[in-house]
Amino acid sequence: MNRRAFLSAVMATPLLAALAACGDPDQEAATTNPATPTSTPAEVGITHPTGAEDVVLKVTYEGGFVPAGFSFVNTPALLVSGDGRVFTPGAVPAIFPGPLLPTVLVRTISEDGLQALLAIVEKAGLFAESPDYSGGDNVADASSTVLAINADGGTFVHSAYALGIDAPESPARQKLLDVTTALGDIEAAAGSANLGTDEPFVATTYRLQARAVDPTEISNQDPAPTVVDWPAASGISLVTATECARVAASTVG
């Protein structure tokens, strides 16, 4: 087994595979799976998919001046699944080098809480095609705020570059900023009574990406990284994992 170094690794169930740019066909359609049951207006108000692998709401900050491989490990600021779970980033240890895996928290959300989130989106008129979000032209290397919605019978994606940096923002950009800011305070947006307790998300599957490393690239690092052999029990060669591979957590520890 060739010794390689991780570029990145993302923990993922089928739902959370949407967090990484893996390109697996069975994961790319997770937000628009027509076979997934949907709630009916009579039951909950705003319809949405109800499957564990369905993303109902997702807020991400994408692009900008970031290192190679960042997009692969860039987890959403908020992800709400159809079966009533909320995923958010956990605290990041102030250490170097940082942890191999991101810390992800998960908690339950009731249907009332999910409806409260969707009502914020509906009130802003975002169950619609993306309007003109141009702006932020005077800002270099900023990220784009992306809100993905799978509800009310459709999938809608709203993306704005350097959102919140311009002053004042255009009406369309301000509306998107207000919604993403509101969703960022999940306790206030959903109602604390509609939310369970945050717990660490325990992955059963990892997505990973690897690249060859010149020994001189790491020999001068301080502190020196710990280098270990890739476990043969994984059944995956890192040589073939240059774009994306999936491995069971039980085989890699």
C-alpha atoms as a PDB file:
ATOM      1  CA  MET A   1       0.000   0.000   0.000  1.00  0.00           C
ATOM      2  CA  ASN A   2       1.507   3.330  -1.038  1.00  0.00           C
ATOM      3  CA  ARG A   3       1.939   5.774   1.793  1.00  0.00           C
ATOM      4  CA  ARG A   4      -0.109   8.862   1.099  1.00  0.00           C
ATOM      5  CA  ALA A   5      -1.375  11.821   3.029  1.00  0.00           C
ATOM      6  CA  PHE A   6      -4.970  12.925   3.317  1.00  0.00           C
ATOM      7  CA  LEU A   7      -5.887  16.095   1.553  1.00  0.00           C
ATOM      8  CA  SER A   8      -9.202  15.986   3.323  1.00  0.00           C
ATOM      9  CA  ALA A   9     -11.827  13.714   4.766  1.00  0.00           C
ATOM     10  CA  VAL A  10     -15.521  14.399   5.232  1.00  0.00           C
ATOM     11  CA  MET A  11     -17.746  12.323   7.440  1.00  0.00           C
ATOM     12  CA  ALA A  12     -20.982  11.443   5.737  1.00  0.00           C
ATOM     13  CA  THR A  13     -24.126   9.452   5.881  1.00  0.00           C
ATOM     14  CA  PRO A  14     -25.973   9.430   2.532  1.00  0.00           C
ATOM     15  CA  LEU A  15     -27.617  12.700   3.546  1.00  0.00           C
ATOM     16  CA  LEU A  16     -24.415  14.395   4.575  1.00  0.00           C
ATOM     17  CA  ALA A  17     -22.753  13.317   1.384  1.00  0.00           C
ATOM     18  CA  ALA A  18     -24.408  16.441   0.037  1.00  0.00           C
ATOM     19  CA  LEU A  19     -21.835  18.342   2.081  1.00  0.00           C
ATOM     20  CA  ALA A  20     -18.974  17.171  -0.114  1.00  0.00           C
ATOM     21  CA  ALA A  21     -18.295  17.503  -3.818  1.00  0.00           C
ATOM     22  CA  CYS A  22     -18.128  13.768  -4.339  1.00  0.00           C
ATOM     23  CA  GLY A  23     -20.108  13.440  -7.523  1.00  0.00           C
ATOM     24  CA  ASP A  24     -21.751  10.122  -6.698  1.00  0.00           C
ATOM     25  CA  PRO A  25     -24.929   9.901  -8.814  1.00  0.00           C
ATOM     26  CA  ASP A  26     -26.937   8.446  -5.931  1.00  0.00           C
ATOM     27  CA  GLN A  27     -26.041  11.429  -3.763  1.00  0.00           C
ATOM     28  CA  GLU A  28     -26.314  14.330  -6.200  1.00  0.00           C
ATOM     29  CA  ALA A  29     -30.063  13.831  -6.508  1.00  0.00           C
ATOM     30  CA  ALA A  30     -30.652  13.686  -2.773  1.00  0.00           C
ATOM     31  CA  THR A  31     -32.562  16.963  -2.692  1.00  0.00           C
ATOM     32  CA  THR A  32     -34.878  16.095  -5.555  1.00  0.00           C
ATOM     33  CA  ASN A  33     -35.616  12.412  -5.050  1.00  0.00           C
ATOM     34  CA  PRO A  34     -39.119  11.937  -6.517  1.00  0.00           C
ATOM     35  CA  ALA A  35     -39.569   8.658  -4.669  1.00  0.00           C
ATOM     36  CA  THR A  36     -39.350  10.327  -1.268  1.00  0.00           C
ATOM     37  CA  PRO A  37     -42.736  10.849   0.403  1.00  0.00           C
ATOM     38  CA  THR A  38     -43.698  14.456   0.904  1.00  0.00           C
ATOM     39  CA  SER A  39     -45.854  15.999   3.560  1.00  0.00           C
ATOM     40  CA  THR A  40     -49.241  17.296   2.489  1.00  0.00           C
ATOM     41  CA  PRO A  41     -50.578  20.814   3.055  1.00  0.00           C
ATOM     42  CA  ALA A  42     -53.348  19.447   5.258  1.00  0.00           C
ATOM     43  CA  GLU A  43     -50.775  17.834   7.527  1.00  0.00           C
ATOM     44  CA  VAL A  44     -48.088  20.464   7.905  1.00  0.00           C
ATOM     45  CA  GLY A  45     -48.723  23.511   5.764  1.00  0.00           C
ATOM     46  CA  ILE A  46     -45.684  23.910   3.501  1.00  0.00           C
ATOM     47  CA  THR A  47     -44.834  20.649   1.776  1.00  0.00           C
ATOM     48  CA  HIS A  48     -41.346  19.204   1.911  1.00  0.00           C
ATOM     49  CA  PRO A  49     -39.621  15.839   1.479  1.00  0.00           C
ATOM     50  CA  THR A  50     -39.608  13.686   4.593  1.00  0.00           C
ATOM     51  CA  GLY A  51     -36.768  11.256   3.935  1.00  0.00           C
ATOM     52  CA  ALA A  52     -33.629  10.953   6.008  1.00  0.00           C
ATOM     53  CA  GLU A  53     -31.534  11.558   2.893  1.00  0.00           C
ATOM     54  CA  ASP A  54     -33.441  14.658   1.786  1.00  0.00           C
ATOM     55  CA  VAL A  55     -32.134  18.160   2.339  1.00  0.00           C
ATOM     56  CA  VAL A  56     -34.951  20.624   3.023  1.00  0.00           C
ATOM     57  CA  LEU A  57     -32.836  23.688   3.845  1.00  0.00           C
ATOM     58  CA  LYS A  58     -29.111  24.261   3.506  1.00  0.00           C
ATOM     59  CA  VAL A  59     -27.009  27.378   4.041  1.00  0.00           C
ATOM     60  CA  THR A  60     -23.412  27.315   2.845  1.00  0.00           C
ATOM     61  CA  TYR A  61     -20.612  29.811   2.318  1.00  0.00           C
ATOM     62  CA  GLU A  62     -18.757  28.795  -0.808  1.00  0.00           C
ATOM     63  CA  GLY A  63     -15.650  29.902  -2.674  1.00  0.00           C
ATOM     64  CA  GLY A  64     -13.458  32.841  -1.819  1.00  0.00           C
ATOM     65  CA  PHE A  65      -9.753  32.919  -1.044  1.00  0.00           C
ATOM     66  CA  VAL A  66      -9.396  29.445   0.417  1.00  0.00           C
ATOM     67  CA  PRO A  67      -6.724  26.719   0.256  1.00  0.00           C
ATOM     68  CA  ALA A  68      -6.833  23.764  -2.113  1.00  0.00           C
ATOM     69  CA  GLY A  69      -9.344  21.164  -1.084  1.00  0.00           C
ATOM     70  CA  PHE A  70     -11.417  23.549   1.043  1.00  0.00           C
ATOM     71  CA  SER A  71     -14.595  23.024  -0.950  1.00  0.00           C
ATOM     72  CA  PHE A  72     -14.433  19.310  -0.207  1.00  0.00           C
ATOM     73  CA  VAL A  73     -14.406  19.756   3.564  1.00  0.00           C
ATOM     74  CA  ASN A  74     -16.593  22.863   3.683  1.00  0.00           C
ATOM     75  CA  THR A  75     -19.605  21.799   5.741  1.00  0.00           C
ATOM     76  CA  PRO A  76     -22.823  23.861   5.696  1.00  0.00           C
ATOM     77  CA  ALA A  77     -23.566  26.479   8.300  1.00  0.00           C
ATOM     78  CA  LEU A  78     -27.012  24.873   8.515  1.00  0.00           C
ATOM     79  CA  LEU A  79     -28.572  21.744   7.063  1.00  0.00           C
ATOM     80  CA  VAL A  80     -32.109  20.543   7.820  1.00  0.00           C
ATOM     81  CA  SER A  81     -33.111  17.059   6.726  1.00  0.00           C
ATOM     82  CA  GLY A  82     -36.572  15.873   5.804  1.00  0.00           C
ATOM     83  CA  ASP A  83     -36.811  13.463   8.713  1.00  0.00           C
ATOM     84  CA  GLY A  84     -36.432  16.273  11.243  1.00  0.00           C
ATOM     85  CA  ARG A  85     -32.734  16.741  11.985  1.00  0.00           C
ATOM     86  CA  VAL A  86     -30.643  19.895  12.115  1.00  0.00           C
ATOM     87  CA  PHE A  87     -26.906  19.729  11.387  1.00  0.00           C
ATOM     88  CA  THR A  88     -24.616  22.612  12.351  1.00  0.00           C
ATOM     89  CA  PRO A  89     -20.832  22.986  12.701  1.00  0.00           C
ATOM     90  CA  GLY A  90     -19.361  22.409  16.147  1.00  0.00           C
ATOM     91  CA  ALA A  91     -16.546  24.301  17.793  1.00  0.00           C
ATOM     92  CA  VAL A  92     -13.198  24.108  15.999  1.00  0.00           C
ATOM     93  CA  PRO A  93     -10.185  23.457  18.256  1.00  0.00           C
ATOM     94  CA  ALA A  94      -7.572  26.210  18.096  1.00  0.00           C
ATOM     95  CA  ILE A  95      -4.773  23.823  17.236  1.00  0.00           C
ATOM     96  CA  PHE A  96      -2.349  23.311  14.368  1.00  0.00           C
ATOM     97  CA  PRO A  97      -2.600  21.213  12.407  1.00  0.00           C
ATOM     98  CA  GLY A  98      -6.343  21.106  12.796  1.00  0.00           C
ATOM     99  CA  PRO A  99      -8.398  17.940  13.232  1.00  0.00           C
ATOM    100  CA  LEU A 100      -8.720  15.627  10.246  1.00  0.00           C
ATOM    101  CA  LEU A 101     -12.504  15.569  10.546  1.00  0.00           C
ATOM    102  CA  PRO A 102     -14.889  18.484  11.037  1.00  0.00           C
ATOM    103  CA  THR A 103     -16.985  18.598  14.183  1.00  0.00           C
ATOM    104  CA  VAL A 104     -20.665  18.360  13.275  1.00  0.00           C
ATOM    105  CA  LEU A 105     -23.547  18.640  15.732  1.00  0.00           C
ATOM    106  CA  VAL A 106     -27.000  17.179  15.170  1.00  0.00           C
ATOM    107  CA  ARG A 107     -30.292  17.749  16.949  1.00  0.00           C
ATOM    108  CA  THR A 108     -33.905  16.967  16.269  1.00  0.00           C
ATOM    109  CA  ILE A 109     -36.445  19.495  15.041  1.00  0.00           C
ATOM    110  CA  SER A 110     -40.198  19.020  15.257  1.00  0.00           C
ATOM    111  CA  GLU A 111     -42.497  19.558  12.299  1.00  0.00           C
ATOM    112  CA  ASP A 112     -43.704  22.779  13.917  1.00  0.00           C
ATOM    113  CA  GLY A 113     -40.111  23.967  14.117  1.00  0.00           C
ATOM    114  CA  LEU A 114     -39.406  23.014  10.517  1.00  0.00           C
ATOM    115  CA  GLN A 115     -42.551  24.819   9.424  1.00  0.00           C
ATOM    116  CA  ALA A 116     -41.360  27.917  11.278  1.00  0.00           C
ATOM    117  CA  LEU A 117     -38.125  27.856   9.267  1.00  0.00           C
ATOM    118  CA  LEU A 118     -39.977  27.385   5.999  1.00  0.00           C
ATOM    119  CA  ALA A 119     -42.341  30.220   6.898  1.00  0.00           C
ATOM    120  CA  ILE A 120     -39.346  32.584   7.101  1.00  0.00           C
ATOM    121  CA  VAL A 121     -38.338  31.537   3.599  1.00  0.00           C
ATOM    122  CA  GLU A 122     -41.889  31.767   2.271  1.00  0.00           C
ATOM    123  CA  LYS A 123     -42.465  35.241   3.738  1.00  0.00           C
ATOM    124  CA  ALA A 124     -39.368  36.465   1.906  1.00  0.00           C
ATOM    125  CA  GLY A 125     -40.700  35.084  -1.377  1.00  0.00           C
ATOM    126  CA  LEU A 126     -37.787  32.693  -1.899  1.00  0.00           C
ATOM    127  CA  PHE A 127     -39.869  29.775  -3.128  1.00  0.00           C
ATOM    128  CA  ALA A 128     -39.064  31.142  -6.569  1.00  0.00           C
ATOM    129  CA  GLU A 129     -36.344  31.389  -9.162  1.00  0.00           C
ATOM    130  CA  SER A 130     -33.281  33.316  -8.140  1.00  0.00           C
ATOM    131  CA  PRO A 131     -33.546  37.077  -8.794  1.00  0.00           C
ATOM    132  CA  ASP A 132     -30.625  39.328  -9.689  1.00  0.00           C
ATOM    133  CA  TYR A 133     -28.200  39.082  -6.778  1.00  0.00           C
ATOM    134  CA  SER A 134     -25.378  40.981  -8.448  1.00  0.00           C
ATOM    135  CA  GLY A 135     -23.280  43.077  -6.093  1.00  0.00           C
ATOM    136  CA  GLY A 136     -20.161  42.941  -4.000  1.00  0.00           C
ATOM    137  CA  ASP A 137     -18.093  43.878  -7.035  1.00  0.00           C
ATOM    138  CA  ASN A 138     -15.698  45.966  -4.964  1.00  0.00           C
ATOM    139  CA  VAL A 139     -14.824  43.015  -2.735  1.00  0.00           C
ATOM    140  CA  ALA A 140     -12.060  40.598  -3.717  1.00  0.00           C
ATOM    141  CA  ASP A 141     -11.852  36.926  -2.768  1.00  0.00           C
ATOM    142  CA  ALA A 142     -15.070  36.836  -0.735  1.00  0.00           C
ATOM    143  CA  SER A 143     -17.303  33.818  -0.444  1.00  0.00           C
ATOM    144  CA  SER A 144     -20.823  33.424  -1.800  1.00  0.00           C
ATOM    145  CA  THR A 145     -23.765  32.856   0.511  1.00  0.00           C
ATOM    146  CA  VAL A 146     -25.870  30.008  -0.870  1.00  0.00           C
ATOM    147  CA  LEU A 147     -29.345  29.072   0.342  1.00  0.00           C
ATOM    148  CA  ALA A 148     -30.720  25.811  -1.072  1.00  0.00           C
ATOM    149  CA  ILE A 149     -34.404  25.029  -0.540  1.00  0.00           C
ATOM    150  CA  ASN A 150     -36.325  21.854  -1.284  1.00  0.00           C
ATOM    151  CA  ALA A 151     -39.952  22.564  -0.373  1.00  0.00           C
ATOM    152  CA  ASP A 152     -43.272  23.823  -1.671  1.00  0.00           C
ATOM    153  CA  GLY A 153     -43.063  21.444  -4.608  1.00  0.00           C
ATOM    154  CA  GLY A 154     -39.707  22.597  -5.980  1.00  0.00           C
ATOM    155  CA  THR A 155     -35.987  23.048  -5.492  1.00  0.00           C
ATOM    156  CA  PHE A 156     -34.687  26.610  -5.323  1.00  0.00           C
ATOM    157  CA  VAL A 157     -31.114  27.871  -4.996  1.00  0.00           C
ATOM    158  CA  HIS A 158     -30.233  31.466  -4.120  1.00  0.00           C
ATOM    159  CA  SER A 159     -26.592  32.544  -4.260  1.00  0.00           C
ATOM    160  CA  ALA A 160     -25.067  35.975  -3.672  1.00  0.00           C
ATOM    161  CA  TYR A 161     -21.382  36.915  -3.729  1.00  0.00           C
ATOM    162  CA  ALA A 162     -19.956  38.899  -0.783  1.00  0.00           C
ATOM    163  CA  LEU A 163     -23.381  39.115   0.828  1.00  0.00           C
ATOM    164  CA  GLY A 164     -23.543  41.522   3.740  1.00  0.00           C
ATOM    165  CA  ILE A 165     -20.403  43.426   2.829  1.00  0.00           C
ATOM    166  CA  ASP A 166     -22.006  46.050   0.590  1.00  0.00           C
ATOM    167  CA  ALA A 167     -23.752  48.915   2.375  1.00  0.00           C
ATOM    168  CA  PRO A 168     -26.479  49.378   1.515  1.00  0.00           C
ATOM    169  CA  GLU A 169     -27.373  46.100  -0.185  1.00  0.00           C
ATOM    170  CA  SER A 170     -29.846  45.878  -3.050  1.00  0.00           C
ATOM    171  CA  PRO A 171     -33.392  44.883  -1.990  1.00  0.00           C
ATOM    172  CA  ALA A 172     -32.950  41.334  -3.305  1.00  0.00           C
ATOM    173  CA  ARG A 173     -29.591  40.860  -1.594  1.00  0.00           C
ATOM    174  CA  GLN A 174     -30.876  42.359   1.656  1.00  0.00           C
ATOM    175  CA  LYS A 175     -33.832  39.978   1.641  1.00  0.00           C
ATOM    176  CA  LEU A 176     -31.533  36.957   1.231  1.00  0.00           C
ATOM    177  CA  LEU A 177     -29.221  38.311   3.923  1.00  0.00           C
ATOM    178  CA  ASP A 178     -32.140  38.738   6.321  1.00  0.00           C
ATOM    179  CA  VAL A 179     -33.310  35.153   5.726  1.00  0.00           C
ATOM    180  CA  THR A 180     -29.885  33.543   6.150  1.00  0.00           C
ATOM    181  CA  THR A 181     -29.239  35.648   9.243  1.00  0.00           C
ATOM    182  CA  ALA A 182     -32.571  34.562  10.721  1.00  0.00           C
ATOM    183  CA  LEU A 183     -31.889  30.904   9.953  1.00  0.00           C
ATOM    184  CA  GLY A 184     -28.486  31.266  11.589  1.00  0.00           C
ATOM    185  CA  ASP A 185     -30.218  31.791  14.944  1.00  0.00           C
ATOM    186  CA  ILE A 186     -31.906  28.394  14.926  1.00  0.00           C
ATOM    187  CA  GLU A 187     -33.219  28.713  18.474  1.00  0.00           C
ATOM    188  CA  ALA A 188     -35.106  31.890  17.667  1.00  0.00           C
ATOM    189  CA  ALA A 189     -36.138  30.827  14.164  1.00  0.00           C
ATOM    190  CA  ALA A 190     -37.536  27.398  15.045  1.00  0.00           C
ATOM    191  CA  GLY A 191     -38.382  27.968  18.683  1.00  0.00           C
ATOM    192  CA  SER A 192     -36.283  26.314  21.371  1.00  0.00           C
ATOM    193  CA  ALA A 193     -39.205  24.086  22.406  1.00  0.00           C
ATOM    194  CA  ASN A 194     -39.165  22.567  18.912  1.00  0.00           C
ATOM    195  CA  LEU A 195     -35.505  21.577  19.070  1.00  0.00           C
ATOM    196  CA  GLY A 196     -33.746  18.677  20.727  1.00  0.00           C
ATOM    197  CA  THR A 197     -30.348  18.775  22.393  1.00  0.00           C
ATOM    198  CA  ASP A 198     -27.204  19.136  20.295  1.00  0.00           C
ATOM    199  CA  GLU A 199     -25.192  15.939  20.122  1.00  0.00           C
ATOM    200  CA  PRO A 200     -22.017  15.062  18.209  1.00  0.00           C
ATOM    201  CA  PHE A 201     -22.801  13.494  14.856  1.00  0.00           C
ATOM    202  CA  VAL A 202     -21.275  10.021  14.665  1.00  0.00           C
ATOM    203  CA  ALA A 203     -20.492   9.016  11.104  1.00  0.00           C
ATOM    204  CA  THR A 204     -20.890   5.505   9.763  1.00  0.00           C
ATOM    205  CA  THR A 205     -19.279   6.408   6.431  1.00  0.00           C
ATOM    206  CA  TYR A 206     -16.451   8.764   5.483  1.00  0.00           C
ATOM    207  CA  ARG A 207     -15.847  10.566   2.217  1.00  0.00           C
ATOM    208  CA  LEU A 208     -12.195  11.229   1.566  1.00  0.00           C
ATOM    209  CA  GLN A 209      -9.836  12.750  -0.946  1.00  0.00           C
ATOM    210  CA  ALA A 210      -6.098  12.097  -1.119  1.00  0.00           C
ATOM    211  CA  ARG A 211      -3.042  13.475  -2.873  1.00  0.00           C
ATOM    212  CA  ALA A 212       0.590  12.451  -3.093  1.00  0.00           C
ATOM    213  CA  VAL A 213       2.879  14.376  -0.757  1.00  0.00           C
ATOM    214  CA  ASP A 214       6.559  15.114  -1.244  1.00  0.00           C
ATOM    215  CA  PRO A 215       8.350  14.211   2.020  1.00  0.00           C
ATOM    216  CA  THR A 216      10.029  17.611   1.999  1.00  0.00           C
ATOM    217  CA  GLU A 217       6.592  19.227   2.050  1.00  0.00           C
ATOM    218  CA  ILE A 218       5.957  17.970   5.576  1.00  0.00           C
ATOM    219  CA  SER A 219       9.440  17.548   7.007  1.00  0.00           C
ATOM    220  CA  ASN A 220       9.759  21.223   7.888  1.00  0.00           C
ATOM    221  CA  GLN A 221       6.315  21.607   9.425  1.00  0.00           C
ATOM    222  CA  ASP A 222       6.170  22.593  13.074  1.00  0.00           C
ATOM    223  CA  PRO A 223       4.735  20.720  14.821  1.00  0.00           C
ATOM    224  CA  ALA A 224       5.635  17.732  12.672  1.00  0.00           C
ATOM    225  CA  PRO A 225       2.590  15.800  11.455  1.00  0.00           C
ATOM    226  CA  THR A 226       1.950  12.232  12.528  1.00  0.00           C
ATOM    227  CA  VAL A 227       2.241   9.904   9.543  1.00  0.00           C
ATOM    228  CA  VAL A 228       0.487   6.534   9.657  1.00  0.00           C
ATOM    229  CA  ASP A 229      -0.036   3.768   7.149  1.00  0.00           C
ATOM    230  CA  TRP A 230      -3.400   3.712   5.444  1.00  0.00           C
ATOM    231  CA  PRO A 231      -5.293   0.633   6.750  1.00  0.00           C
ATOM    232  CA  ALA A 232      -5.398  -2.176   4.226  1.00  0.00           C
ATOM    233  CA  ALA A 233      -8.727  -3.276   5.753  1.00  0.00           C
ATOM    234  CA  SER A 234     -10.410  -0.260   4.177  1.00  0.00           C
ATOM    235  CA  GLY A 235     -10.379  -1.968   0.786  1.00  0.00           C
ATOM    236  CA  ILE A 236      -9.481   1.348  -0.882  1.00  0.00           C
ATOM    237  CA  SER A 237      -6.160   2.412  -2.323  1.00  0.00           C
ATOM    238  CA  LEU A 238      -5.394   6.073  -1.763  1.00  0.00           C
ATOM    239  CA  VAL A 239      -3.875   6.163  -5.239  1.00  0.00           C
ATOM    240  CA  THR A 240      -7.402   5.914  -6.627  1.00  0.00           C
ATOM    241  CA  ALA A 241      -8.938   8.365  -4.129  1.00  0.00           C
ATOM    242  CA  THR A 242      -7.713  11.564  -5.744  1.00  0.00           C
ATOM    243  CA  GLU A 243     -11.228  12.926  -6.332  1.00  0.00           C
ATOM    244  CA  CYS A 244     -13.546  11.191  -3.913  1.00  0.00           C
ATOM    245  CA  ALA A 245     -13.851   7.825  -2.247  1.00  0.00           C
ATOM    246  CA  ARG A 246     -16.206   6.392   0.339  1.00  0.00           C
ATOM    247  CA  VAL A 247     -15.184   4.097   3.163  1.00  0.00           C
ATOM    248  CA  ALA A 248     -16.959   2.549   6.138  1.00  0.00           C
ATOM    249  CA  ALA A 249     -15.951   4.123   9.442  1.00  0.00           C
ATOM    250  CA  SER A 250     -15.573   0.677  10.990  1.00  0.00           C
ATOM    251  CA  THR A 251     -12.688  -0.139   8.618  1.00  0.00           C
ATOM    252  CA  VAL A 252     -10.576   2.933   9.305  1.00  0.00           C
ATOM    253  CA  GLY A 253     -11.191   3.628  12.979  1.00  0.00           C
END
